[in-house]
PDB file of all heavy atoms in Angstrom:
ATOM      1  N   ILE A   1     -16.533   3.757  13.925  1.00  0.00           N
ATOM      2  CA  ILE A   1     -15.700   2.872  13.126  1.00  0.00           C
ATOM      3  C   ILE A   1     -14.469   2.604  13.942  1.00  0.00           C
ATOM      4  O   ILE A   1     -13.696   3.515  14.265  1.00  0.00           O
ATOM      5  CB  ILE A   1     -15.363   3.473  11.767  1.00  0.00           C
ATOM      6  CG1 ILE A   1     -16.636   3.719  11.010  1.00  0.00           C
ATOM      7  CG2 ILE A   1     -14.446   2.551  11.030  1.00  0.00           C
ATOM      8  CD1 ILE A   1     -16.384   4.424   9.677  1.00  0.00           C
ATOM      9  N   ASN A   2     -14.216   1.376  14.274  1.00  0.00           N
ATOM     10  CA  ASN A   2     -13.063   0.994  15.041  1.00  0.00           C
ATOM     11  C   ASN A   2     -11.842   0.781  14.183  1.00  0.00           C
ATOM     12  O   ASN A   2     -10.678   1.116  14.580  1.00  0.00           O
ATOM     13  CB  ASN A   2     -13.323  -0.276  15.839  1.00  0.00           C
ATOM     14  CG  ASN A   2     -14.455  -0.161  16.804  1.00  0.00           C
ATOM     15  OD1 ASN A   2     -15.513  -0.764  16.609  1.00  0.00           O
ATOM     16  ND2 ASN A   2     -14.233   0.566  17.848  1.00  0.00           N
ATOM     17  N   ALA A   3     -12.004   0.262  12.995  1.00  0.00           N
ATOM     18  CA  ALA A   3     -10.895   0.029  12.086  1.00  0.00           C
ATOM     19  C   ALA A   3     -11.429  -0.131  10.680  1.00  0.00           C
ATOM     20  O   ALA A   3     -12.612  -0.513  10.444  1.00  0.00           O
ATOM     21  CB  ALA A   3     -10.115  -1.203  12.479  1.00  0.00           C
ATOM     22  N   MET A   4     -10.555   0.151   9.704  1.00  0.00           N
ATOM     23  CA  MET A   4     -10.904  -0.072   8.312  1.00  0.00           C
ATOM     24  C   MET A   4      -9.678  -0.701   7.638  1.00  0.00           C
ATOM     25  O   MET A   4      -8.565  -0.531   8.083  1.00  0.00           O
ATOM     26  CB  MET A   4     -11.278   1.220   7.663  1.00  0.00           C
ATOM     27  CG  MET A   4     -12.543   1.889   8.144  1.00  0.00           C
ATOM     28  SD  MET A   4     -12.952   3.413   7.255  1.00  0.00           S
ATOM     29  CE  MET A   4     -13.409   2.725   5.647  1.00  0.00           C
ATOM     30  N   GLY A   5      -9.996  -1.377   6.554  1.00  0.00           N
ATOM     31  CA  GLY A   5      -8.902  -2.006   5.826  1.00  0.00           C
ATOM     32  C   GLY A   5      -9.287  -2.317   4.401  1.00  0.00           C
ATOM     33  O   GLY A   5     -10.455  -2.420   4.057  1.00  0.00           O
ATOM     34  N   TRP A   6      -8.274  -2.469   3.607  1.00  0.00           N
ATOM     35  CA  TRP A   6      -8.397  -2.935   2.262  1.00  0.00           C
ATOM     36  C   TRP A   6      -7.900  -4.336   2.167  1.00  0.00           C
ATOM     37  O   TRP A   6      -6.778  -4.652   2.629  1.00  0.00           O
ATOM     38  CB  TRP A   6      -7.655  -1.997   1.235  1.00  0.00           C
ATOM     39  CG  TRP A   6      -8.411  -0.796   0.855  1.00  0.00           C
ATOM     40  CD1 TRP A   6      -8.247   0.455   1.310  1.00  0.00           C
ATOM     41  CD2 TRP A   6      -9.423  -0.777  -0.148  1.00  0.00           C
ATOM     42  NE1 TRP A   6      -9.094   1.266   0.679  1.00  0.00           N
ATOM     43  CE2 TRP A   6      -9.850   0.596  -0.204  1.00  0.00           C
ATOM     44  CE3 TRP A   6     -10.080  -1.740  -0.976  1.00  0.00           C
ATOM     45  CZ2 TRP A   6     -10.904   0.982  -1.048  1.00  0.00           C
ATOM     46  CZ3 TRP A   6     -11.097  -1.308  -1.813  1.00  0.00           C
ATOM     47  CH2 TRP A   6     -11.482  -0.010  -1.849  1.00  0.00           C
ATOM     48  N   TYR A   7      -8.710  -5.216   1.616  1.00  0.00           N
ATOM     49  CA  TYR A   7      -8.336  -6.632   1.417  1.00  0.00           C
ATOM     50  C   TYR A   7      -8.387  -6.889  -0.110  1.00  0.00           C
ATOM     51  O   TYR A   7      -8.945  -6.201  -0.836  1.00  0.00           O
ATOM     52  CB  TYR A   7      -9.339  -7.541   2.132  1.00  0.00           C
ATOM     53  CG  TYR A   7      -9.439  -7.373   3.606  1.00  0.00           C
ATOM     54  CD1 TYR A   7     -10.012  -6.250   4.181  1.00  0.00           C
ATOM     55  CD2 TYR A   7      -8.884  -8.359   4.441  1.00  0.00           C
ATOM     56  CE1 TYR A   7     -10.102  -6.105   5.568  1.00  0.00           C
ATOM     57  CE2 TYR A   7      -8.971  -8.231   5.852  1.00  0.00           C
ATOM     58  CZ  TYR A   7      -9.557  -7.079   6.381  1.00  0.00           C
ATOM     59  OH  TYR A   7      -9.663  -6.969   7.740  1.00  0.00           O
ATOM     60  N   ARG A   8      -7.768  -8.045  -0.454  1.00  0.00           N
ATOM     61  CA  ARG A   8      -7.853  -8.465  -1.867  1.00  0.00           C
ATOM     62  C   ARG A   8      -7.880  -9.943  -1.927  1.00  0.00           C
ATOM     63  O   ARG A   8      -7.423 -10.643  -1.042  1.00  0.00           O
ATOM     64  CB  ARG A   8      -6.685  -7.909  -2.669  1.00  0.00           C
ATOM     65  CG  ARG A   8      -5.313  -8.443  -2.360  1.00  0.00           C
ATOM     66  CD  ARG A   8      -4.287  -7.787  -3.158  1.00  0.00           C
ATOM     67  NE  ARG A   8      -2.911  -8.337  -2.910  1.00  0.00           N
ATOM     68  CZ  ARG A   8      -1.808  -7.843  -3.422  1.00  0.00           C
ATOM     69  NH1 ARG A   8      -1.851  -6.762  -4.226  1.00  0.00           N
ATOM     70  NH2 ARG A   8      -0.661  -8.432  -3.160  1.00  0.00           N
ATOM     71  N   GLN A   9      -8.495 -10.454  -2.992  1.00  0.00           N
ATOM     72  CA  GLN A   9      -8.557 -11.853  -3.210  1.00  0.00           C
ATOM     73  C   GLN A   9      -8.334 -12.133  -4.688  1.00  0.00           C
ATOM     74  O   GLN A   9      -9.109 -11.695  -5.563  1.00  0.00           O
ATOM     75  CB  GLN A   9      -9.917 -12.426  -2.767  1.00  0.00           C
ATOM     76  CG  GLN A   9      -9.997 -13.955  -2.833  1.00  0.00           C
ATOM     77  CD  GLN A   9     -11.248 -14.437  -2.153  1.00  0.00           C
ATOM     78  OE1 GLN A   9     -12.232 -13.735  -1.930  1.00  0.00           O
ATOM     79  NE2 GLN A   9     -11.229 -15.716  -1.806  1.00  0.00           N
ATOM     80  N   ALA A  10      -7.271 -12.843  -5.015  1.00  0.00           N
ATOM     81  CA  ALA A  10      -6.961 -13.234  -6.341  1.00  0.00           C
ATOM     82  C   ALA A  10      -7.536 -14.581  -6.597  1.00  0.00           C
ATOM     83  O   ALA A  10      -7.807 -15.368  -5.668  1.00  0.00           O
ATOM     84  CB  ALA A  10      -5.427 -13.225  -6.541  1.00  0.00           C
ATOM     85  N   PRO A  11      -7.771 -14.954  -7.835  1.00  0.00           N
ATOM     86  CA  PRO A  11      -8.316 -16.261  -8.209  1.00  0.00           C
ATOM     87  C   PRO A  11      -7.475 -17.403  -7.614  1.00  0.00           C
ATOM     88  O   PRO A  11      -6.235 -17.437  -7.769  1.00  0.00           O
ATOM     89  CB  PRO A  11      -8.273 -16.281  -9.745  1.00  0.00           C
ATOM     90  CG  PRO A  11      -8.328 -14.838 -10.136  1.00  0.00           C
ATOM     91  CD  PRO A  11      -7.552 -14.121  -9.069  1.00  0.00           C
ATOM     92  N   GLY A  12      -8.166 -18.292  -6.925  1.00  0.00           N
ATOM     93  CA  GLY A  12      -7.489 -19.442  -6.262  1.00  0.00           C
ATOM     94  C   GLY A  12      -6.710 -19.109  -5.052  1.00  0.00           C
ATOM     95  O   GLY A  12      -6.072 -19.985  -4.482  1.00  0.00           O
ATOM     96  N   LYS A  13      -6.833 -17.889  -4.585  1.00  0.00           N
ATOM     97  CA  LYS A  13      -6.114 -17.459  -3.351  1.00  0.00           C
ATOM     98  C   LYS A  13      -7.079 -17.037  -2.279  1.00  0.00           C
ATOM     99  O   LYS A  13      -8.274 -16.763  -2.560  1.00  0.00           O
ATOM    100  CB  LYS A  13      -5.211 -16.299  -3.687  1.00  0.00           C
ATOM    101  CG  LYS A  13      -4.161 -16.550  -4.773  1.00  0.00           C
ATOM    102  CD  LYS A  13      -3.207 -17.593  -4.364  1.00  0.00           C
ATOM    103  CE  LYS A  13      -2.128 -17.775  -5.472  1.00  0.00           C
ATOM    104  NZ  LYS A  13      -1.172 -18.818  -5.101  1.00  0.00           N
ATOM    105  N   GLU A  14      -6.620 -17.060  -1.076  1.00  0.00           N
ATOM    106  CA  GLU A  14      -7.447 -16.679   0.052  1.00  0.00           C
ATOM    107  C   GLU A  14      -7.443 -15.136   0.144  1.00  0.00           C
ATOM    108  O   GLU A  14      -6.558 -14.463  -0.383  1.00  0.00           O
ATOM    109  CB  GLU A  14      -6.887 -17.228   1.322  1.00  0.00           C
ATOM    110  CG  GLU A  14      -5.484 -16.670   1.756  1.00  0.00           C
ATOM    111  CD  GLU A  14      -4.378 -17.288   0.951  1.00  0.00           C
ATOM    112  OE1 GLU A  14      -4.606 -18.365   0.364  1.00  0.00           O
ATOM    113  OE2 GLU A  14      -3.294 -16.741   0.961  1.00  0.00           O
ATOM    114  N   ARG A  15      -8.480 -14.613   0.730  1.00  0.00           N
ATOM    115  CA  ARG A  15      -8.558 -13.148   0.914  1.00  0.00           C
ATOM    116  C   ARG A  15      -7.494 -12.753   1.948  1.00  0.00           C
ATOM    117  O   ARG A  15      -7.355 -13.337   3.013  1.00  0.00           O
ATOM    118  CB  ARG A  15      -9.946 -12.764   1.395  1.00  0.00           C
ATOM    119  CG  ARG A  15     -10.124 -11.291   1.587  1.00  0.00           C
ATOM    120  CD  ARG A  15     -11.562 -10.865   1.906  1.00  0.00           C
ATOM    121  NE  ARG A  15     -12.482 -11.264   0.872  1.00  0.00           N
ATOM    122  CZ  ARG A  15     -13.835 -10.969   0.786  1.00  0.00           C
ATOM    123  NH1 ARG A  15     -14.285 -10.285   1.791  1.00  0.00           N
ATOM    124  NH2 ARG A  15     -14.582 -11.423  -0.185  1.00  0.00           N
ATOM    125  N   GLU A  16      -6.785 -11.714   1.621  1.00  0.00           N
ATOM    126  CA  GLU A  16      -5.717 -11.224   2.480  1.00  0.00           C
ATOM    127  C   GLU A  16      -5.853  -9.738   2.719  1.00  0.00           C
ATOM    128  O   GLU A  16      -6.372  -9.033   1.906  1.00  0.00           O
ATOM    129  CB  GLU A  16      -4.356 -11.525   1.840  1.00  0.00           C
ATOM    130  CG  GLU A  16      -4.098 -10.810   0.499  1.00  0.00           C
ATOM    131  CD  GLU A  16      -2.707 -10.994   0.001  1.00  0.00           C
ATOM    132  OE1 GLU A  16      -1.827 -11.521   0.705  1.00  0.00           O
ATOM    133  OE2 GLU A  16      -2.451 -10.664  -1.199  1.00  0.00           O
ATOM    134  N   LEU A  17      -5.368  -9.353   3.868  1.00  0.00           N
ATOM    135  CA  LEU A  17      -5.351  -7.971   4.211  1.00  0.00           C
ATOM    136  C   LEU A  17      -4.165  -7.288   3.525  1.00  0.00           C
ATOM    137  O   LEU A  17      -3.031  -7.699   3.658  1.00  0.00           O
ATOM    138  CB  LEU A  17      -5.202  -7.803   5.772  1.00  0.00           C
ATOM    139  CG  LEU A  17      -5.092  -6.370   6.279  1.00  0.00           C
ATOM    140  CD1 LEU A  17      -6.350  -5.594   5.984  1.00  0.00           C
ATOM    141  CD2 LEU A  17      -4.767  -6.386   7.735  1.00  0.00           C
ATOM    142  N   VAL A  18      -4.511  -6.249   2.766  1.00  0.00           N
ATOM    143  CA  VAL A  18      -3.489  -5.464   2.108  1.00  0.00           C
ATOM    144  C   VAL A  18      -2.988  -4.370   2.996  1.00  0.00           C
ATOM    145  O   VAL A  18      -1.754  -4.210   3.175  1.00  0.00           O
ATOM    146  CB  VAL A  18      -4.032  -4.879   0.783  1.00  0.00           C
ATOM    147  CG1 VAL A  18      -2.966  -4.059   0.113  1.00  0.00           C
ATOM    148  CG2 VAL A  18      -4.523  -6.008  -0.107  1.00  0.00           C
ATOM    149  N   ALA A  19      -3.858  -3.599   3.554  1.00  0.00           N
ATOM    150  CA  ALA A  19      -3.481  -2.534   4.462  1.00  0.00           C
ATOM    151  C   ALA A  19      -4.674  -2.196   5.333  1.00  0.00           C
ATOM    152  O   ALA A  19      -5.791  -2.274   4.906  1.00  0.00           O
ATOM    153  CB  ALA A  19      -3.026  -1.287   3.651  1.00  0.00           C
ATOM    154  N   GLY A  20      -4.398  -1.825   6.585  1.00  0.00           N
ATOM    155  CA  GLY A  20      -5.457  -1.505   7.489  1.00  0.00           C
ATOM    156  C   GLY A  20      -5.052  -0.317   8.336  1.00  0.00           C
ATOM    157  O   GLY A  20      -3.884   0.080   8.511  1.00  0.00           O
ATOM    158  N   SER A  21      -6.100   0.282   8.897  1.00  0.00           N
ATOM    159  CA  SER A  21      -5.945   1.458   9.800  1.00  0.00           C
ATOM    160  C   SER A  21      -6.842   1.289  10.983  1.00  0.00           C
ATOM    161  O   SER A  21      -8.033   1.028  10.866  1.00  0.00           O
ATOM    162  CB  SER A  21      -6.276   2.740   9.008  1.00  0.00           C
ATOM    163  OG  SER A  21      -6.198   3.837   9.868  1.00  0.00           O
ATOM    164  N   SER A  22      -6.242   1.441  12.158  1.00  0.00           N
ATOM    165  CA  SER A  22      -7.015   1.421  13.399  1.00  0.00           C
ATOM    166  C   SER A  22      -6.512   2.526  14.282  1.00  0.00           C
ATOM    167  O   SER A  22      -5.340   2.518  14.730  1.00  0.00           O
ATOM    168  CB  SER A  22      -6.819   0.066  14.097  1.00  0.00           C
ATOM    169  OG  SER A  22      -7.507   0.017  15.337  1.00  0.00           O
ATOM    170  N   GLY A  23      -7.372   3.488  14.516  1.00  0.00           N
ATOM    171  CA  GLY A  23      -6.950   4.681  15.277  1.00  0.00           C
ATOM    172  C   GLY A  23      -5.842   5.408  14.485  1.00  0.00           C
ATOM    173  O   GLY A  23      -6.002   5.761  13.317  1.00  0.00           O
ATOM    174  N   ILE A  24      -4.778   5.638  15.142  1.00  0.00           N
ATOM    175  CA  ILE A  24      -3.667   6.325  14.518  1.00  0.00           C
ATOM    176  C   ILE A  24      -2.616   5.289  13.969  1.00  0.00           C
ATOM    177  O   ILE A  24      -1.610   5.679  13.363  1.00  0.00           O
ATOM    178  CB  ILE A  24      -2.925   7.278  15.502  1.00  0.00           C
ATOM    179  CG1 ILE A  24      -2.322   6.475  16.662  1.00  0.00           C
ATOM    180  CG2 ILE A  24      -3.850   8.361  15.967  1.00  0.00           C
ATOM    181  CD1 ILE A  24      -1.441   7.345  17.565  1.00  0.00           C
ATOM    182  N   LEU A  25      -2.921   4.012  14.183  1.00  0.00           N
ATOM    183  CA  LEU A  25      -1.998   2.929  13.715  1.00  0.00           C
ATOM    184  C   LEU A  25      -2.448   2.470  12.354  1.00  0.00           C
ATOM    185  O   LEU A  25      -3.603   2.384  12.041  1.00  0.00           O
ATOM    186  CB  LEU A  25      -1.988   1.774  14.699  1.00  0.00           C
ATOM    187  CG  LEU A  25      -1.589   2.146  16.125  1.00  0.00           C
ATOM    188  CD1 LEU A  25      -1.702   0.883  16.990  1.00  0.00           C
ATOM    189  CD2 LEU A  25      -0.161   2.703  16.180  1.00  0.00           C
ATOM    190  N   SER A  26      -1.457   2.099  11.563  1.00  0.00           N
ATOM    191  CA  SER A  26      -1.705   1.547  10.263  1.00  0.00           C
ATOM    192  C   SER A  26      -0.601   0.540   9.929  1.00  0.00           C
ATOM    193  O   SER A  26       0.473   0.579  10.453  1.00  0.00           O
ATOM    194  CB  SER A  26      -1.792   2.629   9.179  1.00  0.00           C
ATOM    195  OG  SER A  26      -0.550   3.289   9.057  1.00  0.00           O
ATOM    196  N   HIS A  27      -0.946  -0.416   9.091  1.00  0.00           N
ATOM    197  CA  HIS A  27       0.050  -1.379   8.652  1.00  0.00           C
ATOM    198  C   HIS A  27      -0.255  -1.754   7.171  1.00  0.00           C
ATOM    199  O   HIS A  27      -1.362  -1.655   6.719  1.00  0.00           O
ATOM    200  CB  HIS A  27       0.000  -2.618   9.538  1.00  0.00           C
ATOM    201  CG  HIS A  27      -1.367  -3.319   9.554  1.00  0.00           C
ATOM    202  ND1 HIS A  27      -2.312  -2.993  10.424  1.00  0.00           N
ATOM    203  CD2 HIS A  27      -1.789  -4.365   8.795  1.00  0.00           C
ATOM    204  CE1 HIS A  27      -3.369  -3.793  10.194  1.00  0.00           C
ATOM    205  NE2 HIS A  27      -3.045  -4.622   9.206  1.00  0.00           N
ATOM    206  N   VAL A  28       0.782  -2.174   6.571  1.00  0.00           N
ATOM    207  CA  VAL A  28       0.738  -2.535   5.166  1.00  0.00           C
ATOM    208  C   VAL A  28       1.417  -3.874   5.007  1.00  0.00           C
ATOM    209  O   VAL A  28       2.461  -4.194   5.626  1.00  0.00           O
ATOM    210  CB  VAL A  28       1.472  -1.498   4.269  1.00  0.00           C
ATOM    211  CG1 VAL A  28       1.376  -1.871   2.807  1.00  0.00           C
ATOM    212  CG2 VAL A  28       0.857  -0.089   4.467  1.00  0.00           C
ATOM    213  N   ALA A  29       0.835  -4.751   4.201  1.00  0.00           N
ATOM    214  CA  ALA A  29       1.332  -6.073   4.027  1.00  0.00           C
ATOM    215  C   ALA A  29       2.713  -6.009   3.338  1.00  0.00           C
ATOM    216  O   ALA A  29       3.002  -5.080   2.571  1.00  0.00           O
ATOM    217  CB  ALA A  29       0.366  -6.925   3.088  1.00  0.00           C
ATOM    218  N   ASP A  30       3.534  -6.949   3.695  1.00  0.00           N
ATOM    219  CA  ASP A  30       4.918  -7.008   3.143  1.00  0.00           C
ATOM    220  C   ASP A  30       4.890  -7.027   1.582  1.00  0.00           C
ATOM    221  O   ASP A  30       5.789  -6.429   0.995  1.00  0.00           O
ATOM    222  CB  ASP A  30       5.661  -8.194   3.663  1.00  0.00           C
ATOM    223  CG  ASP A  30       5.969  -8.096   5.148  1.00  0.00           C
ATOM    224  OD1 ASP A  30       5.993  -6.942   5.666  1.00  0.00           O
ATOM    225  OD2 ASP A  30       6.210  -9.183   5.763  1.00  0.00           O
ATOM    226  N   SER A  31       3.898  -7.667   1.017  1.00  0.00           N
ATOM    227  CA  SER A  31       3.903  -7.783  -0.447  1.00  0.00           C
ATOM    228  C   SER A  31       3.701  -6.445  -1.152  1.00  0.00           C
ATOM    229  O   SER A  31       4.018  -6.336  -2.350  1.00  0.00           O
ATOM    230  CB  SER A  31       2.791  -8.764  -0.844  1.00  0.00           C
ATOM    231  OG  SER A  31       1.521  -8.330  -0.406  1.00  0.00           O
ATOM    232  N   VAL A  32       3.164  -5.485  -0.448  1.00  0.00           N
ATOM    233  CA  VAL A  32       2.926  -4.205  -1.089  1.00  0.00           C
ATOM    234  C   VAL A  32       3.648  -3.057  -0.355  1.00  0.00           C
ATOM    235  O   VAL A  32       3.504  -1.899  -0.796  1.00  0.00           O
ATOM    236  CB  VAL A  32       1.424  -3.866  -1.135  1.00  0.00           C
ATOM    237  CG1 VAL A  32       0.663  -4.954  -1.914  1.00  0.00           C
ATOM    238  CG2 VAL A  32       0.834  -3.720   0.246  1.00  0.00           C
ATOM    239  N   LYS A  33       4.375  -3.379   0.662  1.00  0.00           N
ATOM    240  CA  LYS A  33       5.104  -2.348   1.396  1.00  0.00           C
ATOM    241  C   LYS A  33       6.082  -1.604   0.559  1.00  0.00           C
ATOM    242  O   LYS A  33       6.798  -2.222  -0.227  1.00  0.00           O
ATOM    243  CB  LYS A  33       5.818  -2.990   2.612  1.00  0.00           C
ATOM    244  CG  LYS A  33       6.350  -1.947   3.627  1.00  0.00           C
ATOM    245  CD  LYS A  33       6.927  -2.660   4.794  1.00  0.00           C
ATOM    246  CE  LYS A  33       7.358  -1.681   5.895  1.00  0.00           C
ATOM    247  NZ  LYS A  33       6.175  -0.921   6.480  1.00  0.00           N
ATOM    248  N   GLY A  34       6.065  -0.338   0.623  1.00  0.00           N
ATOM    249  CA  GLY A  34       6.890   0.539  -0.179  1.00  0.00           C
ATOM    250  C   GLY A  34       6.250   0.938  -1.492  1.00  0.00           C
ATOM    251  O   GLY A  34       6.758   1.822  -2.188  1.00  0.00           O
ATOM    252  N   ARG A  35       5.138   0.311  -1.841  1.00  0.00           N
ATOM    253  CA  ARG A  35       4.429   0.611  -3.049  1.00  0.00           C
ATOM    254  C   ARG A  35       3.045   1.186  -2.748  1.00  0.00           C
ATOM    255  O   ARG A  35       2.584   2.095  -3.478  1.00  0.00           O
ATOM    256  CB  ARG A  35       4.328  -0.607  -3.953  1.00  0.00           C
ATOM    257  CG  ARG A  35       5.644  -1.177  -4.368  1.00  0.00           C
ATOM    258  CD  ARG A  35       5.510  -2.277  -5.378  1.00  0.00           C
ATOM    259  NE  ARG A  35       4.752  -3.446  -4.855  1.00  0.00           N
ATOM    260  CZ  ARG A  35       3.547  -3.840  -5.306  1.00  0.00           C
ATOM    261  NH1 ARG A  35       3.003  -3.208  -6.329  1.00  0.00           N
ATOM    262  NH2 ARG A  35       2.966  -4.908  -4.783  1.00  0.00           N
ATOM    263  N   PHE A  36       2.364   0.596  -1.790  1.00  0.00           N
ATOM    264  CA  PHE A  36       1.026   1.009  -1.495  1.00  0.00           C
ATOM    265  C   PHE A  36       1.015   1.896  -0.193  1.00  0.00           C
ATOM    266  O   PHE A  36       1.801   1.611   0.704  1.00  0.00           O
ATOM    267  CB  PHE A  36       0.085  -0.172  -1.251  1.00  0.00           C
ATOM    268  CG  PHE A  36      -0.209  -1.016  -2.479  1.00  0.00           C
ATOM    269  CD1 PHE A  36       0.458  -0.762  -3.687  1.00  0.00           C
ATOM    270  CD2 PHE A  36      -1.190  -1.986  -2.413  1.00  0.00           C
ATOM    271  CE1 PHE A  36       0.155  -1.471  -4.826  1.00  0.00           C
ATOM    272  CE2 PHE A  36      -1.463  -2.723  -3.562  1.00  0.00           C
ATOM    273  CZ  PHE A  36      -0.792  -2.496  -4.765  1.00  0.00           C
ATOM    274  N   THR A  37       0.155   2.835  -0.162  1.00  0.00           N
ATOM    275  CA  THR A  37       0.000   3.702   1.001  1.00  0.00           C
ATOM    276  C   THR A  37      -1.465   3.812   1.387  1.00  0.00           C
ATOM    277  O   THR A  37      -2.313   3.982   0.461  1.00  0.00           O
ATOM    278  CB  THR A  37       0.599   5.094   0.709  1.00  0.00           C
ATOM    279  OG1 THR A  37       1.941   5.009   0.395  1.00  0.00           O
ATOM    280  CG2 THR A  37       0.415   5.936   2.007  1.00  0.00           C
ATOM    281  N   ILE A  38      -1.754   3.685   2.616  1.00  0.00           N
ATOM    282  CA  ILE A  38      -3.146   3.770   3.071  1.00  0.00           C
ATOM    283  C   ILE A  38      -3.322   5.065   3.825  1.00  0.00           C
ATOM    284  O   ILE A  38      -2.411   5.543   4.582  1.00  0.00           O
ATOM    285  CB  ILE A  38      -3.536   2.602   3.973  1.00  0.00           C
ATOM    286  CG1 ILE A  38      -5.017   2.500   4.136  1.00  0.00           C
ATOM    287  CG2 ILE A  38      -2.821   2.575   5.323  1.00  0.00           C
ATOM    288  CD1 ILE A  38      -5.510   1.221   4.703  1.00  0.00           C
ATOM    289  N   SER A  39      -4.491   5.676   3.623  1.00  0.00           N
ATOM    290  CA  SER A  39      -4.795   6.917   4.344  1.00  0.00           C
ATOM    291  C   SER A  39      -6.248   6.909   4.783  1.00  0.00           C
ATOM    292  O   SER A  39      -7.085   6.498   3.972  1.00  0.00           O
ATOM    293  CB  SER A  39      -4.480   8.182   3.502  1.00  0.00           C
ATOM    294  OG  SER A  39      -5.219   8.124   2.309  1.00  0.00           O
ATOM    295  N   ARG A  40      -6.487   7.329   5.984  1.00  0.00           N
ATOM    296  CA  ARG A  40      -7.820   7.318   6.508  1.00  0.00           C
ATOM    297  C   ARG A  40      -8.210   8.710   6.996  1.00  0.00           C
ATOM    298  O   ARG A  40      -7.425   9.389   7.655  1.00  0.00           O
ATOM    299  CB  ARG A  40      -7.909   6.325   7.735  1.00  0.00           C
ATOM    300  CG  ARG A  40      -9.252   6.235   8.371  1.00  0.00           C
ATOM    301  CD  ARG A  40      -9.207   5.249   9.499  1.00  0.00           C
ATOM    302  NE  ARG A  40     -10.406   5.208  10.257  1.00  0.00           N
ATOM    303  CZ  ARG A  40     -10.615   4.484  11.402  1.00  0.00           C
ATOM    304  NH1 ARG A  40      -9.599   3.742  11.885  1.00  0.00           N
ATOM    305  NH2 ARG A  40     -11.750   4.545  12.063  1.00  0.00           N
ATOM    306  N   ASP A  41      -9.413   9.072   6.591  1.00  0.00           N
ATOM    307  CA  ASP A  41      -9.980  10.338   7.059  1.00  0.00           C
ATOM    308  C   ASP A  41     -11.134   9.993   7.970  1.00  0.00           C
ATOM    309  O   ASP A  41     -12.226   9.572   7.541  1.00  0.00           O
ATOM    310  CB  ASP A  41     -10.461  11.141   5.847  1.00  0.00           C
ATOM    311  CG  ASP A  41     -10.892  12.583   6.222  1.00  0.00           C
ATOM    312  OD1 ASP A  41     -11.372  12.752   7.362  1.00  0.00           O
ATOM    313  OD2 ASP A  41     -10.747  13.520   5.441  1.00  0.00           O
ATOM    314  N   ASN A  42     -10.884  10.107   9.244  1.00  0.00           N
ATOM    315  CA  ASN A  42     -11.912   9.735  10.227  1.00  0.00           C
ATOM    316  C   ASN A  42     -13.082  10.651  10.161  1.00  0.00           C
ATOM    317  O   ASN A  42     -14.240  10.222  10.496  1.00  0.00           O
ATOM    318  CB  ASN A  42     -11.284   9.788  11.656  1.00  0.00           C
ATOM    319  CG  ASN A  42     -10.260   8.662  11.815  1.00  0.00           C
ATOM    320  OD1 ASN A  42     -10.442   7.522  11.393  1.00  0.00           O
ATOM    321  ND2 ASN A  42      -9.141   8.993  12.472  1.00  0.00           N
ATOM    322  N   ALA A  43     -12.880  11.911   9.893  1.00  0.00           N
ATOM    323  CA  ALA A  43     -13.969  12.872   9.818  1.00  0.00           C
ATOM    324  C   ALA A  43     -14.946  12.565   8.705  1.00  0.00           C
ATOM    325  O   ALA A  43     -16.138  12.733   8.847  1.00  0.00           O
ATOM    326  CB  ALA A  43     -13.437  14.313   9.708  1.00  0.00           C
ATOM    327  N   GLN A  44     -14.415  12.135   7.560  1.00  0.00           N
ATOM    328  CA  GLN A  44     -15.270  11.848   6.422  1.00  0.00           C
ATOM    329  C   GLN A  44     -15.526  10.360   6.239  1.00  0.00           C
ATOM    330  O   GLN A  44     -16.196   9.978   5.243  1.00  0.00           O
ATOM    331  CB  GLN A  44     -14.620  12.419   5.175  1.00  0.00           C
ATOM    332  CG  GLN A  44     -14.465  13.932   5.162  1.00  0.00           C
ATOM    333  CD  GLN A  44     -13.908  14.441   3.842  1.00  0.00           C
ATOM    334  OE1 GLN A  44     -13.611  13.727   2.897  1.00  0.00           O
ATOM    335  NE2 GLN A  44     -13.799  15.752   3.792  1.00  0.00           N
TER     336      GLN A  44
END
């Protein structure tokens, strides 16, 4: 697995990346920053 992410799509809206993880790097969309946290368990 090279990367994983959570996306969301609201009615009438395009699908957007909420948060993603690639290796040890992760990022969170500005709209949810400070509220959402992403965590990845590579082993599981």
